[in-house]
Amino acid sequence: MVYAFVGLPLDIIAEAVNQAVKTRFPELAPDDALPYIGRDRVIIRGPLEPAASYRLRLLLWIEAWLGSGVGRAMLDQIAGFLTPRAARIRIWTQVGVIYTREADGSFTIERVAGDLWNWDGQTSMWARFWVVIYSIADVPWTRHPPYGGTSGTWGSRTGLTWGSSATVAEARSIRGIIDEFKPALSKCQNVIISFDATAFAPTDTAPPLPAGTWGEYWDTASLSANRDRRALYWKGV
């Protein structure tokens, strides 16, 4: 009995040391330690992302950050955050380079000539880009009616965004990922949530891609929408 009384605290200390050593490693750490590892490695976990997926992204954090400032790394991190809701994600740059990550993880880079993507006539602002997340068949989000529809009254959607089932926290996290992984001194003008799989493709000209009038959502003279109404538009970073 005396030996057990003396040995128990030592066993507890030894187990605490064992757990502390394991906590350093994403593949061995308990689930409640993952947020702290993610904070240190600046890898944001998605609200529905399984622990196994997040552990893998934490293991690959150095590779992820080596790719920062390049389109693919940003798209991979957004896709990881959205897991298991696989979606096509695209980056349009002002200079006509288009990065696309399909829902299955395949990746392509295209270049288009001319001013095919002319947001507001300021095409000399070469460091701007736009992120397009395709939300098809309610994945990752369901489209909701705009303000004044059945979405509710102003102030009734606490924690939710207008126009979709995306939460404010999700929007902030995605904007945070873009801000961390974008090239230095570049600007994400908007995050576009497209509910049409054919929209914002390099060949999509009808309805047209931005043609210099999309700086403001509404035309003040005609009170008609300047932007493609198949999508929602979040503020960029």
Protein backbone atom coordinates (compact mmCIF):
# COMPACT_ATOMS: atom_id res chain seq x y z
CA MET A 1 0.00 0.00 0.00
CA VAL A 2 2.82 2.38 0.89
CA TYR A 3 4.63 1.63 -2.36
CA ALA A 4 1.43 2.21 -4.34
CA PHE A 5 0.88 5.52 -2.57
CA VAL A 6 4.40 6.65 -3.37
CA GLY A 7 4.44 5.27 -6.92
CA LEU A 8 1.10 6.66 -8.11
CA PRO A 9 2.24 10.31 -8.35
CA LEU A 10 5.34 9.16 -10.21
CA ASP A 11 3.21 7.20 -12.65
CA ILE A 12 1.01 10.27 -13.20
CA ILE A 13 4.05 12.44 -13.86
CA ALA A 14 5.49 9.87 -16.26
CA GLU A 15 2.19 9.66 -18.16
CA ALA A 16 1.96 13.46 -18.33
CA VAL A 17 5.46 13.59 -19.83
CA ASN A 18 4.50 10.88 -22.32
CA GLN A 19 1.37 12.79 -23.36
CA ALA A 20 3.28 16.07 -23.57
CA VAL A 21 5.83 14.54 -25.95
CA LYS A 22 3.06 13.10 -28.16
CA THR A 23 1.23 16.43 -28.24
CA ARG A 24 4.02 17.90 -30.38
CA PHE A 25 3.16 15.59 -33.26
CA PRO A 26 -0.12 15.95 -35.22
CA GLU A 27 -0.30 12.22 -35.94
CA LEU A 28 -0.07 11.34 -32.21
CA ALA A 29 -1.64 14.33 -30.45
CA PRO A 30 -5.11 14.03 -28.91
CA ASP A 31 -7.87 15.81 -30.77
CA ASP A 32 -8.06 18.65 -28.25
CA ALA A 33 -4.41 19.52 -28.95
CA LEU A 34 -4.93 20.03 -32.70
CA PRO A 35 -6.24 23.63 -32.45
CA TYR A 36 -3.03 24.67 -30.69
CA ILE A 37 -0.82 23.00 -33.29
CA GLY A 38 -2.90 24.61 -36.01
CA ARG A 39 -2.52 28.01 -34.39
CA ASP A 40 1.27 27.64 -34.25
CA ARG A 41 1.47 26.47 -37.86
CA VAL A 42 -1.20 28.93 -39.09
CA ILE A 43 -3.31 26.20 -40.69
CA ILE A 44 -7.02 26.88 -40.22
CA ARG A 45 -9.33 23.91 -39.64
CA GLY A 46 -12.69 23.85 -41.37
CA PRO A 47 -15.87 23.62 -39.26
CA LEU A 48 -16.72 20.17 -40.70
CA GLU A 49 -13.19 18.97 -41.45
CA PRO A 50 -12.48 15.49 -39.98
CA ALA A 51 -9.54 15.16 -37.62
CA ALA A 52 -7.74 12.82 -40.03
CA SER A 53 -7.82 15.43 -42.80
CA TYR A 54 -6.64 18.19 -40.48
CA ARG A 55 -3.82 16.06 -39.08
CA LEU A 56 -2.55 15.46 -42.60
CA ARG A 57 -2.60 19.18 -43.42
CA LEU A 58 -0.75 19.92 -40.18
CA LEU A 59 1.91 17.37 -41.13
CA LEU A 60 2.34 19.09 -44.51
CA TRP A 61 2.51 22.60 -43.11
CA ILE A 62 6.06 23.29 -44.26
CA GLU A 63 5.21 22.25 -47.82
CA ALA A 64 2.08 24.42 -47.65
CA TRP A 65 4.02 27.50 -46.56
CA LEU A 66 6.77 26.91 -49.10
CA GLY A 67 4.04 27.36 -51.71
CA SER A 68 2.60 30.54 -50.20
CA GLY A 69 2.29 33.37 -52.67
CA VAL A 70 1.39 30.89 -55.43
CA GLY A 71 -2.17 30.15 -56.53
CA ARG A 72 -2.11 26.42 -55.89
CA ALA A 73 -1.15 26.66 -52.22
CA MET A 74 -3.99 29.08 -51.53
CA LEU A 75 -6.53 26.91 -53.35
CA ASP A 76 -5.36 23.78 -51.50
CA GLN A 77 -5.80 25.50 -48.14
CA ILE A 78 -9.29 26.74 -48.98
CA ALA A 79 -10.19 23.23 -50.20
CA GLY A 80 -8.84 21.76 -46.96
CA PHE A 81 -10.91 24.19 -44.93
CA LEU A 82 -14.05 23.20 -46.86
CA THR A 83 -13.46 19.43 -46.39
CA PRO A 84 -15.52 17.25 -46.76
CA ARG A 85 -17.50 19.64 -48.99
CA ALA A 86 -15.49 19.31 -52.19
CA ALA A 87 -15.88 22.21 -54.60
CA ARG A 88 -14.21 23.76 -57.61
CA ILE A 89 -12.21 26.86 -56.65
CA ARG A 90 -10.74 29.31 -59.14
CA ILE A 91 -8.48 32.35 -59.07
CA TRP A 92 -8.78 35.01 -61.76
CA THR A 93 -5.87 37.45 -61.85
CA GLN A 94 -5.93 40.91 -63.39
CA VAL A 95 -3.17 39.88 -65.81
CA GLY A 96 -5.18 36.97 -67.23
CA VAL A 97 -3.63 34.00 -65.40
CA ILE A 98 -6.31 31.61 -64.16
CA TYR A 99 -5.71 28.94 -61.52
CA THR A 100 -8.37 26.25 -61.13
CA ARG A 101 -8.59 23.48 -58.53
CA GLU A 102 -11.33 21.02 -59.34
CA ALA A 103 -13.41 19.25 -56.70
CA ASP A 104 -11.34 16.07 -57.23
CA GLY A 105 -8.11 17.95 -56.46
CA SER A 106 -6.81 18.24 -60.03
CA PHE A 107 -5.19 21.57 -60.87
CA THR A 108 -4.77 23.63 -64.04
CA ILE A 109 -3.24 26.98 -65.00
CA GLU A 110 -4.47 28.93 -68.04
CA ARG A 111 -3.53 32.27 -69.54
CA VAL A 112 -5.93 34.40 -71.58
CA ALA A 113 -4.97 37.33 -73.77
CA GLY A 114 -6.41 40.82 -73.63
CA ASP A 115 -8.68 42.34 -71.00
CA LEU A 116 -11.13 39.46 -70.76
CA TRP A 117 -11.53 40.12 -67.01
CA ASN A 118 -12.07 43.88 -66.64
CA TRP A 119 -13.70 44.47 -63.26
CA ASP A 120 -13.94 48.25 -63.12
CA GLY A 121 -11.86 49.67 -65.96
CA GLN A 122 -8.71 49.83 -63.82
CA THR A 123 -6.84 47.14 -65.69
CA SER A 124 -3.47 48.68 -64.87
CA MET A 125 -3.87 47.44 -61.28
CA TRP A 126 -2.06 44.22 -62.17
CA ALA A 127 -1.70 42.91 -58.60
CA ARG A 128 -5.43 42.31 -58.08
CA PHE A 129 -7.11 38.91 -58.15
CA TRP A 130 -10.52 37.33 -57.48
CA VAL A 131 -11.28 33.99 -55.81
CA VAL A 132 -14.30 32.10 -57.12
CA ILE A 133 -15.79 29.27 -55.02
CA TYR A 134 -18.40 27.21 -56.86
CA SER A 135 -21.31 26.13 -54.69
CA ILE A 136 -23.17 23.56 -56.77
CA ALA A 137 -26.08 21.41 -55.58
CA ASP A 138 -25.86 22.98 -52.10
CA VAL A 139 -22.16 22.11 -51.70
CA PRO A 140 -20.55 23.80 -49.86
CA TRP A 141 -23.48 26.17 -49.25
CA THR A 142 -27.15 26.55 -50.08
CA ARG A 143 -28.29 29.72 -51.80
CA HIS A 144 -30.77 31.79 -49.79
CA PRO A 145 -33.05 34.60 -50.93
CA PRO A 146 -31.60 38.11 -50.61
CA TYR A 147 -32.44 40.55 -47.84
CA GLY A 148 -36.16 41.20 -47.84
CA GLY A 149 -36.99 37.64 -48.96
CA THR A 150 -37.62 34.59 -46.82
CA SER A 151 -34.13 34.83 -45.32
CA GLY A 152 -35.64 36.94 -42.54
CA THR A 153 -35.47 40.54 -41.45
CA TRP A 154 -32.40 42.64 -40.85
CA GLY A 155 -30.65 41.48 -37.68
CA SER A 156 -32.41 38.09 -37.61
CA ARG A 157 -29.56 36.08 -39.16
CA THR A 158 -27.03 36.31 -36.34
CA GLY A 159 -23.84 34.51 -37.33
CA LEU A 160 -25.00 33.90 -40.91
CA THR A 161 -24.24 35.71 -44.15
CA TRP A 162 -26.92 37.11 -46.45
CA GLY A 163 -27.69 35.14 -49.59
CA SER A 164 -26.34 31.74 -48.56
CA SER A 165 -25.97 29.27 -45.69
CA ALA A 166 -22.31 30.30 -45.24
CA THR A 167 -21.61 31.56 -41.74
CA VAL A 168 -19.81 34.78 -40.90
CA ALA A 169 -17.08 32.67 -39.26
CA GLU A 170 -16.59 30.69 -42.49
CA ALA A 171 -16.36 33.88 -44.55
CA ARG A 172 -13.82 35.34 -42.13
CA SER A 173 -11.75 32.16 -42.12
CA ILE A 174 -11.65 31.94 -45.93
CA ARG A 175 -10.68 35.60 -46.16
CA GLY A 176 -8.01 34.91 -43.54
CA ILE A 177 -6.57 32.01 -45.58
CA ILE A 178 -6.45 34.21 -48.67
CA ASP A 179 -4.77 37.00 -46.72
CA GLU A 180 -2.10 34.64 -45.37
CA PHE A 181 -1.33 32.80 -48.62
CA LYS A 182 -1.67 35.56 -51.22
CA PRO A 183 1.42 37.08 -52.84
CA ALA A 184 2.96 40.03 -51.01
CA LEU A 185 1.39 43.40 -51.92
CA SER A 186 -1.35 41.73 -53.99
CA LYS A 187 -5.03 42.36 -53.30
CA CYS A 188 -7.99 40.00 -53.42
CA GLN A 189 -10.69 42.32 -54.72
CA ASN A 190 -13.59 39.96 -54.04
CA VAL A 191 -14.45 36.41 -53.05
CA ILE A 192 -17.16 35.28 -55.45
CA ILE A 193 -19.58 32.48 -54.55
CA SER A 194 -20.94 31.13 -57.83
CA PHE A 195 -24.06 28.96 -57.88
CA ASP A 196 -23.62 28.15 -61.57
CA ALA A 197 -20.92 25.67 -62.62
CA THR A 198 -20.53 27.35 -66.01
CA ALA A 199 -20.02 30.89 -64.73
CA PHE A 200 -16.68 32.70 -64.59
CA ALA A 201 -14.99 30.25 -66.95
CA PRO A 202 -12.37 31.61 -69.38
CA THR A 203 -14.81 30.94 -72.22
CA ASP A 204 -17.86 32.36 -70.42
CA THR A 205 -18.93 35.44 -72.39
CA ALA A 206 -22.73 35.20 -72.27
CA PRO A 207 -23.67 36.34 -69.69
CA PRO A 208 -20.44 38.30 -69.98
CA LEU A 209 -17.44 38.31 -67.71
CA PRO A 210 -16.69 41.67 -66.05
CA ALA A 211 -16.46 44.36 -68.72
CA GLY A 212 -15.42 47.41 -66.74
CA THR A 213 -18.70 48.12 -64.91
CA TRP A 214 -18.57 45.72 -61.97
CA GLY A 215 -16.96 48.07 -59.45
CA GLU A 216 -20.43 48.80 -58.04
CA TYR A 217 -23.08 46.12 -57.77
CA TRP A 218 -25.90 48.40 -58.95
CA ASP A 219 -26.10 50.82 -61.86
CA THR A 220 -27.31 54.04 -60.26
CA ALA A 221 -29.05 55.25 -63.40
CA SER A 222 -30.99 52.13 -64.40
CA LEU A 223 -31.07 50.53 -60.92
CA SER A 224 -30.14 47.23 -62.56
CA ALA A 225 -27.42 44.86 -61.37
CA ASN A 226 -24.01 45.34 -62.97
CA ARG A 227 -22.67 42.00 -61.80
CA ASP A 228 -23.64 38.47 -62.75
CA ARG A 229 -26.59 37.54 -60.53
CA ARG A 230 -25.67 33.87 -60.53
CA ALA A 231 -23.22 34.68 -57.74
CA LEU A 232 -22.68 36.42 -54.41
CA TYR A 233 -19.79 38.80 -53.80
CA TRP A 234 -17.89 38.98 -50.52
CA LYS A 235 -15.45 41.76 -49.79
CA GLY A 236 -11.85 40.77 -50.47
CA VAL A 237 -8.66 41.35 -48.48
